[in-house]
């Protein structure tokens, strides 16, 4: 009985973590599309990849995830972009432009 209950709790926790991760990834996809559209750049491959995670404190402890995507500034190049997300709040977008990095502070904005 106890083993079955423990297994049920573990499976529920894993499903919750998976759902939280999928929602965060969808937010990152949306903000990367929006930034590229607003800056008149071409978003390549229409995907993002989780590139790193770390525990941060500002003002409370949260898991910061870093996602990468690719875009083209002029149609002939491939540049990297990164989206930083703390919990489900978007923090900033960093674009590696040919002229140098461009950082856009999103400021903890949550997207639904």
Protein backbone atom coordinates (compact mmCIF):
# COMPACT_ATOMS: atom_id res chain seq x y z
CA UNK A 1 0.00 0.00 0.00
CA UNK A 2 2.73 2.48 1.00
CA UNK A 3 4.84 1.60 -2.09
CA UNK A 4 1.87 2.19 -4.37
CA UNK A 5 1.16 5.57 -2.78
CA UNK A 6 4.82 6.57 -3.05
CA UNK A 7 4.87 5.55 -6.71
CA UNK A 8 1.70 7.56 -7.37
CA UNK A 9 3.19 10.69 -5.74
CA UNK A 10 6.42 10.27 -7.71
CA UNK A 11 4.58 9.89 -11.02
CA UNK A 12 2.43 12.93 -10.21
CA UNK A 13 5.52 15.02 -9.40
CA UNK A 14 7.20 13.98 -12.65
CA UNK A 15 4.10 14.83 -14.69
CA UNK A 16 3.89 18.24 -12.97
CA UNK A 17 7.56 18.93 -13.72
CA UNK A 18 7.10 17.90 -17.33
CA UNK A 19 4.02 20.16 -17.73
CA UNK A 20 5.89 23.10 -16.12
CA UNK A 21 8.81 22.56 -18.49
CA UNK A 22 6.57 22.41 -21.57
CA UNK A 23 4.78 25.64 -20.57
CA UNK A 24 8.13 27.40 -20.06
CA UNK A 25 9.38 26.24 -23.45
CA UNK A 26 6.21 27.52 -25.15
CA UNK A 27 6.78 30.94 -23.53
CA UNK A 28 10.36 31.00 -24.80
CA UNK A 29 9.25 30.09 -28.33
CA UNK A 30 6.68 32.91 -28.29
CA UNK A 31 9.07 35.59 -26.99
CA UNK A 32 11.82 34.60 -29.44
CA UNK A 33 9.36 34.87 -32.35
CA UNK A 34 8.09 38.23 -31.06
CA UNK A 35 11.60 39.70 -30.67
CA UNK A 36 12.66 38.58 -34.14
CA UNK A 37 9.47 39.94 -35.67
CA UNK A 38 9.82 43.30 -33.89
CA UNK A 39 13.46 43.65 -34.99
CA UNK A 40 12.68 42.53 -38.57
CA UNK A 41 14.90 39.45 -38.40
CA UNK A 42 14.27 35.96 -39.67
CA UNK A 43 13.79 33.30 -36.99
CA UNK A 44 15.46 30.08 -38.15
CA UNK A 45 14.35 26.46 -37.54
CA UNK A 46 11.41 27.58 -35.32
CA UNK A 47 12.80 25.71 -32.32
CA UNK A 48 14.58 26.40 -29.05
CA UNK A 49 17.00 24.20 -27.13
CA UNK A 50 17.58 24.13 -23.40
CA UNK A 51 21.24 25.08 -22.98
CA UNK A 52 21.65 25.34 -19.22
CA UNK A 53 20.04 25.53 -15.81
CA UNK A 54 21.17 26.98 -12.51
CA UNK A 55 19.74 27.91 -9.14
CA UNK A 56 19.54 31.70 -8.64
CA UNK A 57 18.33 33.98 -5.89
CA UNK A 58 16.71 37.30 -6.76
CA UNK A 59 14.85 37.93 -4.43
CA UNK A 60 13.85 34.29 -3.81
CA UNK A 61 15.35 31.00 -4.97
CA UNK A 62 14.33 29.94 -8.47
CA UNK A 63 15.56 27.73 -11.28
CA UNK A 64 16.96 29.81 -14.14
CA UNK A 65 16.84 28.13 -17.52
CA UNK A 66 18.74 29.30 -20.59
CA UNK A 67 17.36 28.46 -24.02
CA UNK A 68 19.09 29.04 -27.38
CA UNK A 69 17.66 29.71 -30.81
CA UNK A 70 19.03 30.88 -34.16
CA UNK A 71 18.07 33.82 -36.30
CA UNK A 72 19.34 35.68 -39.34
CA UNK A 73 19.89 39.42 -39.37
CA UNK A 74 20.30 39.72 -43.15
CA UNK A 75 19.24 36.36 -44.57
CA UNK A 76 22.81 35.23 -45.25
CA UNK A 77 24.08 34.60 -41.73
CA UNK A 78 23.19 32.44 -38.71
CA UNK A 79 23.28 34.20 -35.36
CA UNK A 80 22.56 32.81 -31.90
CA UNK A 81 20.01 34.15 -29.49
CA UNK A 82 19.38 33.22 -25.86
CA UNK A 83 16.31 33.58 -23.67
CA UNK A 84 16.72 33.50 -19.89
CA UNK A 85 13.77 32.36 -17.82
CA UNK A 86 13.49 32.21 -14.03
CA UNK A 87 10.66 29.92 -12.98
CA UNK A 88 7.94 30.85 -15.49
CA UNK A 89 9.01 34.51 -15.69
CA UNK A 90 10.97 35.67 -18.70
CA UNK A 91 14.01 37.71 -17.67
CA UNK A 92 16.00 38.77 -20.73
CA UNK A 93 16.82 38.01 -24.35
CA UNK A 94 20.39 38.18 -25.64
CA UNK A 95 21.04 38.38 -29.38
CA UNK A 96 24.52 37.87 -30.80
CA UNK A 97 24.32 40.45 -33.58
CA UNK A 98 27.11 40.89 -36.15
CA UNK A 99 27.72 44.35 -34.64
CA UNK A 100 27.86 43.00 -31.07
CA UNK A 101 25.50 41.59 -28.43
CA UNK A 102 22.05 43.11 -27.94
CA UNK A 103 20.38 42.49 -24.56
CA UNK A 104 16.67 43.08 -24.13
CA UNK A 105 15.44 43.14 -20.53
CA UNK A 106 11.99 41.60 -20.29
CA UNK A 107 11.87 42.18 -16.54
CA UNK A 108 10.10 39.13 -15.12
CA UNK A 109 7.18 39.33 -17.55
CA UNK A 110 4.94 36.30 -17.49
CA UNK A 111 3.27 35.18 -20.69
CA UNK A 112 0.06 33.18 -20.66
